[in-house]
Structure formats: structure tokens, C-alpha cells
N, C-alpha and C. Protein backbone atom coordinates (compact mmCIF):
# COMPACT_ATOMS: atom_id res chain seq x y z
N MET A 1 182.38 53.55 98.60
CA MET A 1 183.55 54.40 98.42
C MET A 1 183.06 55.84 98.33
N ASN A 2 183.75 56.70 99.05
CA ASN A 2 183.37 58.10 99.00
C ASN A 2 184.34 58.90 98.12
N PHE A 3 184.02 60.16 97.93
CA PHE A 3 184.80 61.01 97.04
C PHE A 3 186.25 61.14 97.50
N GLU A 4 186.47 61.30 98.79
CA GLU A 4 187.83 61.46 99.31
C GLU A 4 188.68 60.21 99.09
N GLU A 5 188.09 59.04 99.32
CA GLU A 5 188.81 57.79 99.09
C GLU A 5 189.20 57.64 97.62
N PHE A 6 188.27 57.99 96.74
CA PHE A 6 188.53 57.89 95.31
C PHE A 6 189.65 58.85 94.92
N GLN A 7 189.63 60.05 95.45
CA GLN A 7 190.67 61.03 95.14
C GLN A 7 192.05 60.55 95.62
N GLN A 8 192.10 59.91 96.75
CA GLN A 8 193.37 59.37 97.27
C GLN A 8 193.92 58.30 96.32
N ILE A 9 193.05 57.47 95.79
CA ILE A 9 193.48 56.45 94.83
C ILE A 9 194.05 57.13 93.58
N LEU A 10 193.36 58.15 93.09
CA LEU A 10 193.83 58.87 91.91
C LEU A 10 195.19 59.52 92.15
N GLU A 11 195.43 60.00 93.36
CA GLU A 11 196.70 60.64 93.69
C GLU A 11 197.84 59.63 93.82
N ARG A 12 197.53 58.41 94.26
CA ARG A 12 198.55 57.40 94.50
C ARG A 12 199.00 56.64 93.26
N HIS A 13 198.15 56.56 92.25
CA HIS A 13 198.43 55.72 91.09
C HIS A 13 198.42 56.55 89.81
N PRO A 14 199.43 56.38 88.95
CA PRO A 14 199.48 57.17 87.71
C PRO A 14 198.38 56.81 86.71
N ILE A 15 197.97 55.54 86.70
CA ILE A 15 196.89 55.10 85.80
C ILE A 15 195.84 54.37 86.64
N VAL A 16 194.63 54.89 86.61
CA VAL A 16 193.52 54.29 87.36
C VAL A 16 192.39 54.00 86.39
N VAL A 17 191.88 52.78 86.47
CA VAL A 17 190.72 52.40 85.68
C VAL A 17 189.54 52.30 86.63
N GLY A 18 188.63 53.25 86.51
CA GLY A 18 187.43 53.27 87.35
C GLY A 18 186.31 52.52 86.66
N TYR A 19 185.83 51.47 87.30
CA TYR A 19 184.75 50.64 86.75
C TYR A 19 183.47 51.00 87.50
N PHE A 20 182.60 51.76 86.86
CA PHE A 20 181.37 52.23 87.47
C PHE A 20 180.22 51.34 87.03
N SER A 21 179.56 50.71 88.00
CA SER A 21 178.44 49.83 87.67
C SER A 21 177.56 49.63 88.90
N THR A 22 176.64 48.70 88.80
CA THR A 22 175.77 48.36 89.92
C THR A 22 175.76 46.84 90.09
N GLU A 23 175.38 46.41 91.26
CA GLU A 23 175.30 44.97 91.51
C GLU A 23 174.15 44.33 90.75
N SER A 24 173.16 45.12 90.34
CA SER A 24 172.01 44.56 89.63
C SER A 24 172.22 44.46 88.12
N CYS A 25 173.35 44.94 87.62
CA CYS A 25 173.63 44.91 86.18
C CYS A 25 174.35 43.60 85.84
N ASN A 26 173.67 42.73 85.11
CA ASN A 26 174.25 41.43 84.77
C ASN A 26 175.42 41.55 83.80
N VAL A 27 175.32 42.44 82.84
CA VAL A 27 176.43 42.66 81.90
C VAL A 27 177.67 43.12 82.68
N CYS A 28 177.44 44.01 83.63
CA CYS A 28 178.55 44.53 84.46
C CYS A 28 179.23 43.41 85.23
N LYS A 29 178.44 42.49 85.75
CA LYS A 29 178.99 41.37 86.52
C LYS A 29 179.88 40.48 85.66
N VAL A 30 179.52 40.32 84.40
CA VAL A 30 180.31 39.50 83.50
C VAL A 30 181.61 40.22 83.11
N LEU A 31 181.51 41.50 82.82
CA LEU A 31 182.68 42.26 82.35
C LEU A 31 183.68 42.61 83.46
N ARG A 32 183.19 42.85 84.66
CA ARG A 32 184.06 43.33 85.74
C ARG A 32 185.29 42.45 85.96
N PRO A 33 185.17 41.12 86.11
CA PRO A 33 186.38 40.32 86.32
C PRO A 33 187.32 40.34 85.12
N GLN A 34 186.77 40.45 83.93
CA GLN A 34 187.61 40.50 82.73
C GLN A 34 188.42 41.80 82.69
N VAL A 35 187.75 42.90 82.99
CA VAL A 35 188.43 44.20 83.00
C VAL A 35 189.46 44.24 84.13
N LYS A 36 189.07 43.74 85.30
CA LYS A 36 189.99 43.74 86.45
C LYS A 36 191.25 42.94 86.13
N GLU A 37 191.10 41.76 85.55
CA GLU A 37 192.26 40.94 85.19
C GLU A 37 193.14 41.65 84.16
N MET A 38 192.50 42.28 83.19
CA MET A 38 193.25 43.01 82.16
C MET A 38 194.09 44.11 82.80
N VAL A 39 193.49 44.87 83.69
CA VAL A 39 194.19 45.98 84.34
C VAL A 39 195.32 45.46 85.21
N GLU A 40 195.09 44.38 85.93
CA GLU A 40 196.12 43.81 86.80
C GLU A 40 197.32 43.30 86.02
N ASN A 41 197.14 42.99 84.74
CA ASN A 41 198.24 42.51 83.90
C ASN A 41 199.02 43.64 83.23
N ILE A 42 198.65 44.87 83.53
CA ILE A 42 199.34 46.03 82.97
C ILE A 42 200.06 46.73 84.10
N SER A 43 201.37 46.87 83.96
CA SER A 43 202.15 47.45 85.05
C SER A 43 201.72 48.88 85.34
N ASP A 44 201.67 49.20 86.61
CA ASP A 44 201.35 50.53 87.12
C ASP A 44 199.92 50.98 86.87
N ALA A 45 199.05 50.10 86.42
CA ALA A 45 197.63 50.43 86.28
C ALA A 45 196.90 49.88 87.50
N HIS A 46 195.92 50.62 87.97
CA HIS A 46 195.18 50.23 89.17
C HIS A 46 193.68 50.19 88.84
N PHE A 47 193.00 49.13 89.27
CA PHE A 47 191.57 48.94 89.05
C PHE A 47 190.81 49.36 90.30
N VAL A 48 189.72 50.11 90.12
CA VAL A 48 188.86 50.44 91.25
C VAL A 48 187.40 50.29 90.81
N TYR A 49 186.64 49.58 91.63
CA TYR A 49 185.21 49.35 91.37
C TYR A 49 184.40 50.38 92.14
N VAL A 50 183.44 51.01 91.46
CA VAL A 50 182.54 51.97 92.10
C VAL A 50 181.11 51.53 91.84
N ASP A 51 180.41 51.18 92.91
CA ASP A 51 178.99 50.84 92.82
C ASP A 51 178.23 52.17 92.81
N THR A 52 177.63 52.51 91.68
CA THR A 52 177.00 53.82 91.54
C THR A 52 175.76 53.99 92.42
N GLU A 53 175.17 52.89 92.86
CA GLU A 53 174.02 52.99 93.77
C GLU A 53 174.48 53.34 95.19
N LYS A 54 175.66 52.88 95.55
CA LYS A 54 176.19 53.15 96.89
C LYS A 54 177.05 54.41 96.93
N SER A 55 177.44 54.90 95.77
CA SER A 55 178.29 56.10 95.69
C SER A 55 177.69 57.12 94.72
N PRO A 56 176.51 57.65 95.07
CA PRO A 56 175.86 58.58 94.15
C PRO A 56 176.66 59.86 93.92
N MET A 57 177.46 60.27 94.89
CA MET A 57 178.26 61.48 94.71
C MET A 57 179.30 61.27 93.60
N LEU A 58 179.95 60.12 93.60
CA LEU A 58 180.92 59.82 92.55
C LEU A 58 180.23 59.70 91.20
N ARG A 59 179.07 59.07 91.19
CA ARG A 59 178.30 58.95 89.95
C ARG A 59 178.00 60.34 89.38
N GLY A 60 177.60 61.25 90.24
CA GLY A 60 177.31 62.61 89.80
C GLY A 60 178.55 63.38 89.41
N GLN A 61 179.61 63.24 90.19
CA GLN A 61 180.86 63.96 89.93
C GLN A 61 181.42 63.62 88.55
N TYR A 62 181.32 62.34 88.16
CA TYR A 62 181.89 61.90 86.90
C TYR A 62 180.83 61.69 85.81
N LEU A 63 179.61 62.17 86.07
CA LEU A 63 178.52 62.14 85.09
C LEU A 63 178.33 60.76 84.47
N VAL A 64 178.16 59.79 85.35
CA VAL A 64 177.93 58.41 84.91
C VAL A 64 176.42 58.20 84.82
N PHE A 65 175.92 58.07 83.58
CA PHE A 65 174.49 57.92 83.34
C PHE A 65 174.09 56.51 82.95
N SER A 66 175.05 55.70 82.53
CA SER A 66 174.75 54.32 82.15
C SER A 66 175.87 53.42 82.67
N VAL A 67 175.51 52.16 82.86
CA VAL A 67 176.49 51.20 83.34
C VAL A 67 176.57 50.03 82.38
N PRO A 68 177.72 49.42 82.25
CA PRO A 68 178.96 49.84 82.88
C PRO A 68 179.57 51.05 82.17
N THR A 69 180.24 51.87 82.94
CA THR A 69 181.05 52.95 82.41
C THR A 69 182.45 52.75 82.96
N ILE A 70 183.42 52.78 82.08
CA ILE A 70 184.81 52.65 82.49
C ILE A 70 185.49 53.96 82.17
N ILE A 71 186.11 54.56 83.19
CA ILE A 71 186.83 55.81 82.99
C ILE A 71 188.30 55.55 83.30
N VAL A 72 189.15 55.88 82.35
CA VAL A 72 190.59 55.74 82.54
C VAL A 72 191.12 57.11 82.95
N PHE A 73 191.77 57.14 84.11
CA PHE A 73 192.36 58.36 84.63
C PHE A 73 193.88 58.27 84.49
N ILE A 74 194.48 59.29 83.93
CA ILE A 74 195.92 59.38 83.82
C ILE A 74 196.37 60.56 84.67
N GLU A 75 197.19 60.26 85.67
CA GLU A 75 197.68 61.27 86.61
C GLU A 75 196.53 62.11 87.18
N GLY A 76 195.45 61.42 87.54
CA GLY A 76 194.32 62.06 88.21
C GLY A 76 193.28 62.70 87.31
N ARG A 77 193.51 62.72 86.02
CA ARG A 77 192.57 63.35 85.09
C ARG A 77 191.94 62.31 84.17
N GLU A 78 190.68 62.54 83.83
CA GLU A 78 190.01 61.63 82.90
C GLU A 78 190.68 61.72 81.53
N ALA A 79 191.09 60.56 81.02
CA ALA A 79 191.75 60.50 79.72
C ALA A 79 190.84 59.88 78.66
N LYS A 80 190.03 58.92 79.08
CA LYS A 80 189.14 58.25 78.11
C LYS A 80 188.01 57.58 78.86
N ARG A 81 186.88 57.52 78.19
CA ARG A 81 185.68 56.92 78.77
C ARG A 81 185.12 55.87 77.81
N PHE A 82 184.74 54.74 78.39
CA PHE A 82 184.11 53.65 77.63
C PHE A 82 182.75 53.42 78.27
N ASN A 83 181.70 53.44 77.45
CA ASN A 83 180.34 53.25 77.97
C ASN A 83 179.70 52.00 77.40
N ARG A 84 178.83 51.44 78.17
CA ARG A 84 177.98 50.29 77.83
C ARG A 84 178.58 49.25 76.91
N TYR A 85 178.55 49.47 75.63
CA TYR A 85 179.01 48.46 74.68
C TYR A 85 180.47 48.71 74.34
N LEU A 86 181.32 48.24 75.22
CA LEU A 86 182.73 48.55 75.05
C LEU A 86 183.49 47.38 74.46
N SER A 87 184.58 47.71 73.82
CA SER A 87 185.46 46.70 73.26
C SER A 87 186.62 46.49 74.23
N LEU A 88 186.74 45.27 74.73
CA LEU A 88 187.84 44.99 75.65
C LEU A 88 189.19 45.15 74.96
N LYS A 89 189.25 44.83 73.69
CA LYS A 89 190.49 45.01 72.94
C LYS A 89 190.86 46.49 72.84
N GLU A 90 189.87 47.32 72.58
CA GLU A 90 190.13 48.77 72.50
C GLU A 90 190.61 49.30 73.84
N LEU A 91 190.01 48.85 74.93
CA LEU A 91 190.45 49.26 76.26
C LEU A 91 191.87 48.80 76.53
N ASP A 92 192.17 47.55 76.21
CA ASP A 92 193.51 47.01 76.42
C ASP A 92 194.55 47.78 75.60
N ASP A 93 194.24 48.03 74.34
CA ASP A 93 195.16 48.79 73.49
C ASP A 93 195.41 50.19 74.04
N PHE A 94 194.34 50.84 74.48
CA PHE A 94 194.49 52.19 75.03
C PHE A 94 195.36 52.18 76.28
N LEU A 95 195.11 51.23 77.19
CA LEU A 95 195.89 51.17 78.43
C LEU A 95 197.37 50.92 78.15
N ARG A 96 197.66 50.01 77.25
CA ARG A 96 199.06 49.72 76.93
C ARG A 96 199.74 50.93 76.29
N GLN A 97 199.02 51.65 75.49
CA GLN A 97 199.55 52.87 74.87
C GLN A 97 199.82 53.93 75.96
N MET A 98 198.93 54.07 76.92
CA MET A 98 199.10 55.06 77.98
C MET A 98 200.28 54.71 78.88
N VAL A 99 200.50 53.42 79.13
CA VAL A 99 201.63 53.01 79.94
C VAL A 99 202.93 53.46 79.28
N GLU A 100 203.01 53.31 77.99
CA GLU A 100 204.22 53.73 77.26
C GLU A 100 204.41 55.23 77.34
N VAL A 101 203.34 55.99 77.29
CA VAL A 101 203.42 57.45 77.31
C VAL A 101 203.72 57.98 78.71
N VAL A 102 203.01 57.45 79.68
CA VAL A 102 203.08 57.97 81.05
C VAL A 102 204.35 57.55 81.76
N LEU A 103 204.76 56.30 81.55
CA LEU A 103 205.87 55.78 82.36
C LEU A 103 207.15 55.75 81.62
């Protein structure tokens, strides 16, 4: 995924959850389907996976230094960031709260 494609996603969706990781990260592989399912169960939220090894420009643009990093974008702007040891409950609570505010 390149920068332009990512920007188009941000423009099309009011809430975007960017999941930044690598294919070699085992923790990332376990968490990714859980996060994706969580996002898909929240109306108007969109999940996007970014492989930081294949998209170094996006990794640099969003200052992703560790994986997994989850960035929640609200109306195209970063609203919250979750790094490495994240709580799925905290992410879910935050997303549900943002849906109420944004929509």
C-alpha cells in the first residue's frame, strides 16, 4: 500500500483503524484477526492493514517504530495510538465511544 492509497481510505471513511505490523511478527499475526473482527463489528469503522516492511513511507510518515502499532484515525486525523502491548478492551471501548461522537 502506498501513501496515496492510504490517504484515499482516510478520505472515504470517517473512522479508520490502521494496523501497522510485519509478516514476521508472531504477536501481530495473532492480534490482527481479532482487531479486524472487532472493527468490522463497529458500524462505519474501517480496518486497513499496513505491512511496514513493504510500506516504509507510511511507516515513516506515521512514525511507527514498533509493531504492532494501531492508529485510530477520525476524519483523516490521528486520534489515538496503541503500541505493542495493547488492550483489546481499551481499543474496543475507544472505538465505540468515537462512533457515538463522530456519527
